[in-house]
Amino acid sequence: MPECQSQAYITKEAFERLVALCLDAKPIEACGILAGPAADSGDTATHTPEAVIDTVIPITNTHINPTYSFSFDPSEWTTAFYDMQKNRQSLVGLFHSHPKTDAIPSSYDTEGFLPASELTYWIISLKDSQNPVVQPYRRERSKFVPLQLVLA
């Protein structure tokens, strides 16, 4: 069984789509959700430790200053969440890009993230567009803990 506390799993295809979406959005921050197959229990709304991300769903960034921060478009977020349930998928994580900075959570990221969430949190640094850096995190005890990215 995968070690949920130290690793985050994503398919190669989803990884490539994630990076491409972020590059296409530059210079603004791309954002969206990451999904995987639903757990056997039929609960499509929660993350499972064995979850492998196979779906990347972009959501329009509606922040007043989208080059430095992000906010999900509320109607797109709602539609994406219901579509995931309809397609028997679980919400595994959230993502956004940092067009000019490293893949390290900013103070805005810390303020805007749920303190007790099982979701992974992915930051894609486009500081060097030729070599994007993708770093998943998990929020534990009010801190972001880096996870090892594993292509599944």
N, C-alpha and C. Protein backbone atom coordinates (compact mmCIF):
# COMPACT_ATOMS: atom_id res chain seq x y z
N MET A 1 0.84 -1.19 0.00
CA MET A 1 0.00 0.00 0.00
C MET A 1 0.89 1.25 0.00
N PRO A 2 0.55 2.29 -0.79
CA PRO A 2 1.34 3.51 -0.84
C PRO A 2 1.38 4.21 0.51
N GLU A 3 2.45 4.93 0.77
CA GLU A 3 2.58 5.69 2.00
C GLU A 3 1.98 7.07 1.78
N CYS A 4 0.77 7.26 2.23
CA CYS A 4 0.02 8.49 1.98
C CYS A 4 0.72 9.71 2.56
N GLN A 5 1.38 9.56 3.70
CA GLN A 5 1.98 10.69 4.37
C GLN A 5 3.19 11.25 3.64
N SER A 6 3.82 10.45 2.75
CA SER A 6 5.06 10.93 2.16
C SER A 6 5.04 10.98 0.64
N GLN A 7 4.02 10.46 0.01
CA GLN A 7 4.00 10.40 -1.45
C GLN A 7 2.66 10.85 -2.01
N ALA A 8 2.73 11.40 -3.23
CA ALA A 8 1.53 11.78 -3.98
C ALA A 8 1.64 11.15 -5.36
N TYR A 9 0.58 10.52 -5.81
CA TYR A 9 0.59 9.74 -7.05
C TYR A 9 -0.22 10.42 -8.14
N ILE A 10 0.36 10.44 -9.35
CA ILE A 10 -0.31 11.03 -10.50
C ILE A 10 0.11 10.26 -11.75
N THR A 11 -0.83 10.07 -12.67
CA THR A 11 -0.47 9.38 -13.91
C THR A 11 0.39 10.32 -14.77
N LYS A 12 1.15 9.74 -15.66
CA LYS A 12 2.01 10.52 -16.56
C LYS A 12 1.17 11.48 -17.41
N GLU A 13 0.04 11.00 -17.91
CA GLU A 13 -0.84 11.83 -18.74
C GLU A 13 -1.39 13.02 -17.94
N ALA A 14 -1.82 12.77 -16.71
CA ALA A 14 -2.35 13.85 -15.88
C ALA A 14 -1.24 14.84 -15.54
N PHE A 15 -0.05 14.34 -15.26
CA PHE A 15 1.09 15.20 -14.95
C PHE A 15 1.39 16.14 -16.13
N GLU A 16 1.43 15.57 -17.32
CA GLU A 16 1.71 16.37 -18.52
C GLU A 16 0.62 17.41 -18.76
N ARG A 17 -0.64 17.04 -18.54
CA ARG A 17 -1.75 17.99 -18.70
C ARG A 17 -1.64 19.11 -17.67
N LEU A 18 -1.31 18.76 -16.45
CA LEU A 18 -1.17 19.75 -15.38
C LEU A 18 -0.12 20.81 -15.75
N VAL A 19 1.04 20.36 -16.18
CA VAL A 19 2.10 21.28 -16.56
C VAL A 19 1.69 22.12 -17.76
N ALA A 20 1.08 21.49 -18.77
CA ALA A 20 0.66 22.22 -19.97
C ALA A 20 -0.37 23.30 -19.65
N LEU A 21 -1.35 22.99 -18.81
CA LEU A 21 -2.36 23.98 -18.43
C LEU A 21 -1.73 25.18 -17.74
N CYS A 22 -0.77 24.91 -16.88
CA CYS A 22 -0.10 26.00 -16.15
C CYS A 22 0.73 26.86 -17.09
N LEU A 23 1.45 26.22 -18.00
CA LEU A 23 2.25 26.97 -18.97
C LEU A 23 1.36 27.82 -19.87
N ASP A 24 0.23 27.26 -20.29
CA ASP A 24 -0.70 27.99 -21.17
C ASP A 24 -1.30 29.21 -20.49
N ALA A 25 -1.46 29.17 -19.18
CA ALA A 25 -2.08 30.27 -18.44
C ALA A 25 -1.11 31.41 -18.14
N LYS A 26 0.19 31.12 -18.17
CA LYS A 26 1.19 32.12 -17.83
C LYS A 26 0.98 33.37 -18.67
N PRO A 27 0.96 34.57 -18.10
CA PRO A 27 1.56 34.99 -16.84
C PRO A 27 0.62 34.96 -15.63
N ILE A 28 -0.65 34.54 -15.80
CA ILE A 28 -1.50 34.46 -14.62
C ILE A 28 -1.35 33.10 -13.96
N GLU A 29 -1.80 33.00 -12.72
CA GLU A 29 -1.76 31.73 -12.00
C GLU A 29 -2.90 30.85 -12.50
N ALA A 30 -2.54 29.66 -12.95
CA ALA A 30 -3.55 28.65 -13.28
C ALA A 30 -4.01 28.03 -11.97
N CYS A 31 -5.23 27.50 -11.96
CA CYS A 31 -5.70 26.81 -10.77
C CYS A 31 -6.76 25.79 -11.16
N GLY A 32 -6.99 24.85 -10.25
CA GLY A 32 -8.00 23.84 -10.52
C GLY A 32 -7.95 22.72 -9.51
N ILE A 33 -8.60 21.62 -9.89
CA ILE A 33 -8.71 20.48 -8.98
C ILE A 33 -8.14 19.23 -9.63
N LEU A 34 -7.76 18.29 -8.78
CA LEU A 34 -7.16 17.03 -9.20
C LEU A 34 -8.03 15.90 -8.66
N ALA A 35 -8.37 14.96 -9.54
CA ALA A 35 -9.29 13.89 -9.16
C ALA A 35 -8.72 12.53 -9.53
N GLY A 36 -9.28 11.52 -8.90
CA GLY A 36 -8.91 10.13 -9.18
C GLY A 36 -10.13 9.25 -9.01
N PRO A 37 -9.97 7.96 -9.30
CA PRO A 37 -11.10 7.03 -9.16
C PRO A 37 -11.67 7.05 -7.75
N ALA A 38 -13.00 6.96 -7.67
CA ALA A 38 -13.66 6.95 -6.37
C ALA A 38 -13.31 5.69 -5.60
N ALA A 39 -13.35 5.81 -4.28
CA ALA A 39 -13.12 4.67 -3.41
C ALA A 39 -14.23 3.64 -3.59
N ASP A 40 -13.96 2.40 -3.25
CA ASP A 40 -14.95 1.32 -3.40
C ASP A 40 -16.21 1.56 -2.60
N SER A 41 -16.11 2.37 -1.54
CA SER A 41 -17.27 2.61 -0.69
C SER A 41 -18.36 3.40 -1.40
N GLY A 42 -18.03 3.95 -2.57
CA GLY A 42 -19.02 4.75 -3.28
C GLY A 42 -18.98 6.21 -2.89
N ASP A 43 -18.15 6.57 -1.90
CA ASP A 43 -18.04 7.96 -1.48
C ASP A 43 -17.14 8.69 -2.45
N THR A 44 -17.72 9.51 -3.32
CA THR A 44 -16.94 10.19 -4.36
C THR A 44 -16.45 11.56 -3.92
N ALA A 45 -16.72 11.93 -2.68
CA ALA A 45 -16.35 13.27 -2.25
C ALA A 45 -15.06 13.32 -1.44
N THR A 46 -14.52 12.18 -1.05
CA THR A 46 -13.37 12.23 -0.15
C THR A 46 -12.15 11.54 -0.73
N HIS A 47 -11.01 11.99 -0.28
CA HIS A 47 -9.72 11.45 -0.68
C HIS A 47 -9.47 10.10 0.00
N THR A 48 -8.80 9.22 -0.72
CA THR A 48 -8.38 7.96 -0.12
C THR A 48 -6.86 7.89 -0.20
N PRO A 49 -6.19 7.26 0.76
CA PRO A 49 -4.74 7.20 0.74
C PRO A 49 -4.16 6.59 -0.53
N GLU A 50 -4.89 5.68 -1.17
CA GLU A 50 -4.38 5.00 -2.36
C GLU A 50 -4.68 5.77 -3.63
N ALA A 51 -5.29 6.94 -3.51
CA ALA A 51 -5.75 7.70 -4.67
C ALA A 51 -4.60 8.04 -5.62
N VAL A 52 -4.84 7.78 -6.90
CA VAL A 52 -3.92 8.17 -7.95
C VAL A 52 -4.64 9.21 -8.80
N ILE A 53 -4.04 10.37 -8.93
CA ILE A 53 -4.64 11.43 -9.73
C ILE A 53 -4.56 11.03 -11.19
N ASP A 54 -5.71 11.02 -11.86
CA ASP A 54 -5.73 10.74 -13.30
C ASP A 54 -6.52 11.79 -14.07
N THR A 55 -7.05 12.78 -13.35
CA THR A 55 -7.85 13.81 -13.99
C THR A 55 -7.45 15.19 -13.45
N VAL A 56 -7.21 16.11 -14.37
CA VAL A 56 -6.87 17.50 -14.02
C VAL A 56 -7.99 18.37 -14.59
N ILE A 57 -8.63 19.14 -13.70
CA ILE A 57 -9.75 19.97 -14.11
C ILE A 57 -9.40 21.43 -13.84
N PRO A 58 -9.12 22.19 -14.91
CA PRO A 58 -8.83 23.61 -14.69
C PRO A 58 -10.08 24.38 -14.30
N ILE A 59 -9.88 25.38 -13.47
CA ILE A 59 -10.97 26.27 -13.07
C ILE A 59 -10.47 27.70 -13.28
N THR A 60 -11.30 28.54 -13.83
CA THR A 60 -10.91 29.91 -14.12
C THR A 60 -10.50 30.64 -12.84
N ASN A 61 -9.37 31.34 -12.91
CA ASN A 61 -8.88 32.14 -11.80
C ASN A 61 -9.60 33.49 -11.84
N THR A 62 -10.40 33.74 -10.81
CA THR A 62 -11.18 34.99 -10.76
C THR A 62 -10.61 36.00 -9.76
N HIS A 63 -9.41 35.77 -9.27
CA HIS A 63 -8.81 36.69 -8.29
C HIS A 63 -8.63 38.07 -8.91
N ILE A 64 -8.76 39.10 -8.10
CA ILE A 64 -8.61 40.47 -8.58
C ILE A 64 -7.21 40.72 -9.14
N ASN A 65 -6.21 39.99 -8.65
CA ASN A 65 -4.84 40.12 -9.13
C ASN A 65 -4.31 38.72 -9.48
N PRO A 66 -4.75 38.15 -10.61
CA PRO A 66 -4.45 36.75 -10.93
C PRO A 66 -2.99 36.45 -11.28
N THR A 67 -2.15 37.47 -11.37
CA THR A 67 -0.73 37.19 -11.60
C THR A 67 0.00 36.86 -10.31
N TYR A 68 -0.65 37.14 -9.16
CA TYR A 68 -0.01 36.89 -7.86
C TYR A 68 -0.82 36.01 -6.92
N SER A 69 -2.04 35.68 -7.28
CA SER A 69 -2.87 34.86 -6.40
C SER A 69 -3.98 34.22 -7.23
N PHE A 70 -4.79 33.40 -6.58
CA PHE A 70 -5.87 32.75 -7.32
C PHE A 70 -7.10 32.59 -6.45
N SER A 71 -8.24 32.54 -7.13
CA SER A 71 -9.54 32.21 -6.54
C SER A 71 -10.30 31.41 -7.58
N PHE A 72 -10.93 30.34 -7.15
CA PHE A 72 -11.74 29.53 -8.06
C PHE A 72 -13.01 30.28 -8.46
N ASP A 73 -13.37 30.19 -9.73
CA ASP A 73 -14.68 30.66 -10.17
C ASP A 73 -15.71 29.77 -9.47
N PRO A 74 -16.61 30.35 -8.67
CA PRO A 74 -17.54 29.53 -7.88
C PRO A 74 -18.43 28.61 -8.72
N SER A 75 -18.94 29.09 -9.84
CA SER A 75 -19.84 28.24 -10.64
C SER A 75 -19.06 27.09 -11.30
N GLU A 76 -17.83 27.37 -11.76
CA GLU A 76 -17.02 26.30 -12.36
C GLU A 76 -16.64 25.26 -11.31
N TRP A 77 -16.31 25.72 -10.09
CA TRP A 77 -15.97 24.81 -9.00
C TRP A 77 -17.15 23.89 -8.70
N THR A 78 -18.34 24.45 -8.60
CA THR A 78 -19.53 23.65 -8.31
C THR A 78 -19.80 22.64 -9.42
N THR A 79 -19.72 23.08 -10.66
CA THR A 79 -19.94 22.19 -11.81
C THR A 79 -18.90 21.06 -11.82
N ALA A 80 -17.63 21.40 -11.59
CA ALA A 80 -16.57 20.39 -11.60
C ALA A 80 -16.78 19.37 -10.50
N PHE A 81 -17.19 19.84 -9.32
CA PHE A 81 -17.40 18.92 -8.20
C PHE A 81 -18.54 17.93 -8.50
N TYR A 82 -19.63 18.42 -9.05
CA TYR A 82 -20.75 17.53 -9.38
C TYR A 82 -20.40 16.60 -10.54
N ASP A 83 -19.64 17.10 -11.50
CA ASP A 83 -19.19 16.23 -12.60
C ASP A 83 -18.31 15.10 -12.08
N MET A 84 -17.45 15.41 -11.11
CA MET A 84 -16.62 14.35 -10.52
C MET A 84 -17.50 13.28 -9.89
N GLN A 85 -18.49 13.69 -9.14
CA GLN A 85 -19.37 12.72 -8.49
C GLN A 85 -20.10 11.88 -9.53
N LYS A 86 -20.59 12.53 -10.57
CA LYS A 86 -21.30 11.83 -11.64
C LYS A 86 -20.39 10.80 -12.32
N ASN A 87 -19.10 11.14 -12.44
CA ASN A 87 -18.13 10.25 -13.09
C ASN A 87 -17.43 9.30 -12.11
N ARG A 88 -17.97 9.22 -10.89
CA ARG A 88 -17.43 8.31 -9.86
C ARG A 88 -15.95 8.58 -9.59
N GLN A 89 -15.65 9.85 -9.37
CA GLN A 89 -14.29 10.26 -9.04
C GLN A 89 -14.26 10.90 -7.66
N SER A 90 -13.08 10.88 -7.05
CA SER A 90 -12.86 11.53 -5.76
C SER A 90 -12.01 12.78 -5.95
N LEU A 91 -12.28 13.78 -5.16
CA LEU A 91 -11.43 14.97 -5.12
C LEU A 91 -10.17 14.59 -4.34
N VAL A 92 -9.02 14.68 -5.00
CA VAL A 92 -7.75 14.28 -4.38
C VAL A 92 -6.92 15.49 -4.00
N GLY A 93 -6.97 16.55 -4.82
CA GLY A 93 -6.13 17.69 -4.52
C GLY A 93 -6.55 18.95 -5.25
N LEU A 94 -5.86 20.02 -4.91
CA LEU A 94 -6.03 21.32 -5.54
C LEU A 94 -4.67 21.71 -6.13
N PHE A 95 -4.69 22.50 -7.20
CA PHE A 95 -3.42 22.96 -7.75
C PHE A 95 -3.50 24.42 -8.14
N HIS A 96 -2.33 25.04 -8.18
CA HIS A 96 -2.18 26.36 -8.79
C HIS A 96 -0.72 26.55 -9.16
N SER A 97 -0.50 27.50 -10.05
CA SER A 97 0.87 27.75 -10.49
C SER A 97 1.43 29.02 -9.87
N HIS A 98 2.74 29.07 -9.82
CA HIS A 98 3.48 30.26 -9.45
C HIS A 98 4.27 30.66 -10.70
N PRO A 99 3.76 31.61 -11.49
CA PRO A 99 4.41 31.96 -12.74
C PRO A 99 5.83 32.51 -12.61
N LYS A 100 6.14 33.15 -11.47
CA LYS A 100 7.45 33.80 -11.34
C LYS A 100 8.24 33.37 -10.11
N THR A 101 7.67 32.52 -9.29
CA THR A 101 8.35 32.16 -8.04
C THR A 101 8.47 30.64 -7.89
N ASP A 102 9.19 30.23 -6.86
CA ASP A 102 9.41 28.81 -6.60
C ASP A 102 8.12 28.11 -6.18
N ALA A 103 8.16 26.79 -6.19
CA ALA A 103 7.00 25.96 -5.81
C ALA A 103 6.93 25.79 -4.29
N ILE A 104 6.92 26.93 -3.61
CA ILE A 104 6.86 26.96 -2.15
C ILE A 104 5.61 27.74 -1.77
N PRO A 105 4.81 27.23 -0.83
CA PRO A 105 3.58 27.94 -0.46
C PRO A 105 3.87 29.36 0.02
N SER A 106 3.11 30.29 -0.50
CA SER A 106 3.23 31.69 -0.09
C SER A 106 2.33 31.94 1.12
N SER A 107 2.40 33.14 1.65
CA SER A 107 1.52 33.49 2.78
C SER A 107 0.07 33.45 2.34
N TYR A 108 -0.22 33.81 1.07
CA TYR A 108 -1.58 33.73 0.54
C TYR A 108 -2.06 32.27 0.49
N ASP A 109 -1.15 31.36 0.10
CA ASP A 109 -1.51 29.95 0.05
C ASP A 109 -1.86 29.45 1.45
N THR A 110 -1.07 29.85 2.43
CA THR A 110 -1.29 29.42 3.81
C THR A 110 -2.62 29.92 4.34
N GLU A 111 -2.95 31.17 4.04
CA GLU A 111 -4.19 31.76 4.53
C GLU A 111 -5.42 31.16 3.86
N GLY A 112 -5.28 30.75 2.60
CA GLY A 112 -6.44 30.30 1.84
C GLY A 112 -6.71 28.82 1.87
N PHE A 113 -5.90 28.05 2.57
CA PHE A 113 -6.06 26.60 2.56
C PHE A 113 -6.74 26.12 3.83
N LEU A 114 -7.59 25.12 3.69
CA LEU A 114 -8.28 24.56 4.85
C LEU A 114 -7.26 23.94 5.80
N PRO A 115 -7.32 24.24 7.08
CA PRO A 115 -6.31 23.76 8.03
C PRO A 115 -6.30 22.25 8.25
N ALA A 116 -7.44 21.59 8.14
CA ALA A 116 -7.50 20.15 8.41
C ALA A 116 -8.08 19.43 7.20
N SER A 117 -7.31 19.37 6.13
CA SER A 117 -7.81 18.76 4.92
C SER A 117 -6.98 17.55 4.55
N GLU A 118 -7.62 16.53 4.02
CA GLU A 118 -6.92 15.35 3.52
C GLU A 118 -6.43 15.55 2.09
N LEU A 119 -6.78 16.68 1.50
CA LEU A 119 -6.40 16.93 0.12
C LEU A 119 -4.91 17.20 -0.02
N THR A 120 -4.37 16.86 -1.18
CA THR A 120 -3.02 17.28 -1.49
C THR A 120 -3.11 18.66 -2.13
N TYR A 121 -2.01 19.38 -2.07
CA TYR A 121 -1.96 20.76 -2.56
C TYR A 121 -0.74 20.86 -3.45
N TRP A 122 -0.95 21.10 -4.73
CA TRP A 122 0.12 21.07 -5.72
C TRP A 122 0.45 22.47 -6.20
N ILE A 123 1.74 22.82 -6.16
CA ILE A 123 2.20 24.10 -6.68
C ILE A 123 3.14 23.82 -7.84
N ILE A 124 2.90 24.50 -8.94
CA ILE A 124 3.71 24.32 -10.15
C ILE A 124 4.46 25.63 -10.38
N SER A 125 5.80 25.59 -10.22
CA SER A 125 6.62 26.76 -10.44
C SER A 125 6.99 26.85 -11.91
N LEU A 126 6.73 28.03 -12.48
CA LEU A 126 7.09 28.30 -13.86
C LEU A 126 8.20 29.35 -13.93
N LYS A 127 8.93 29.48 -12.82
CA LYS A 127 10.04 30.43 -12.75
C LYS A 127 10.99 30.20 -13.93
N ASP A 128 11.26 28.92 -14.23
CA ASP A 128 12.01 28.52 -15.42
C ASP A 128 11.03 27.73 -16.28
N SER A 129 10.42 28.39 -17.25
CA SER A 129 9.38 27.76 -18.07
C SER A 129 9.86 26.52 -18.81
N GLN A 130 11.15 26.46 -19.08
CA GLN A 130 11.71 25.28 -19.77
C GLN A 130 11.80 24.07 -18.84
N ASN A 131 11.82 24.33 -17.54
CA ASN A 131 11.92 23.26 -16.54
C ASN A 131 10.97 23.52 -15.38
N PRO A 132 9.66 23.38 -15.62
CA PRO A 132 8.70 23.61 -14.53
C PRO A 132 8.96 22.64 -13.37
N VAL A 133 8.70 23.12 -12.17
CA VAL A 133 8.85 22.31 -10.97
C VAL A 133 7.47 22.08 -10.38
N VAL A 134 7.13 20.80 -10.20
CA VAL A 134 5.83 20.44 -9.64
C VAL A 134 6.07 19.86 -8.25
N GLN A 135 5.48 20.50 -7.24
CA GLN A 135 5.69 20.05 -5.87
C GLN A 135 4.35 19.86 -5.16
N PRO A 136 4.01 18.61 -4.82
CA PRO A 136 2.79 18.38 -4.02
C PRO A 136 3.10 18.54 -2.52
N TYR A 137 2.07 18.94 -1.79
CA TYR A 137 2.16 19.10 -0.34
C TYR A 137 0.94 18.49 0.32
N ARG A 138 1.04 18.30 1.62
CA ARG A 138 -0.10 17.96 2.47
C ARG A 138 -0.05 18.93 3.65
N ARG A 139 -1.19 19.37 4.08
CA ARG A 139 -1.27 20.31 5.21
C ARG A 139 -1.37 19.50 6.49
N GLU A 140 -0.39 19.69 7.39
CA GLU A 140 -0.37 18.99 8.68
C GLU A 140 0.02 19.98 9.77
N ARG A 141 -0.78 20.03 10.80
CA ARG A 141 -0.52 20.91 11.94
C ARG A 141 -0.17 22.33 11.50
N SER A 142 -0.99 22.88 10.64
CA SER A 142 -0.85 24.26 10.15
C SER A 142 0.40 24.50 9.32
N LYS A 143 1.03 23.44 8.82
CA LYS A 143 2.20 23.59 7.96
C LYS A 143 2.02 22.77 6.70
N PHE A 144 2.65 23.23 5.63
CA PHE A 144 2.67 22.45 4.39
C PHE A 144 3.87 21.52 4.44
N VAL A 145 3.62 20.22 4.30
CA VAL A 145 4.67 19.22 4.30
C VAL A 145 4.86 18.73 2.87
N PRO A 146 6.09 18.87 2.32
CA PRO A 146 6.32 18.42 0.94
C PRO A 146 6.16 16.90 0.82
N LEU A 147 5.59 16.47 -0.29
CA LEU A 147 5.42 15.05 -0.60
C LEU A 147 6.29 14.69 -1.78
N GLN A 148 6.67 13.44 -1.85
CA GLN A 148 7.40 12.97 -3.01
C GLN A 148 6.41 12.71 -4.14
N LEU A 149 6.67 13.27 -5.31
CA LEU A 149 5.80 13.07 -6.47
C LEU A 149 6.17 11.75 -7.11
N VAL A 150 5.17 10.90 -7.34
CA VAL A 150 5.38 9.59 -7.94
C VAL A 150 4.49 9.49 -9.18
N LEU A 151 5.12 9.25 -10.34
CA LEU A 151 4.33 9.00 -11.55
C LEU A 151 3.83 7.57 -11.52
N ALA A 152 2.52 7.42 -11.61
CA ALA A 152 1.90 6.09 -11.49
C ALA A 152 1.60 5.51 -12.87
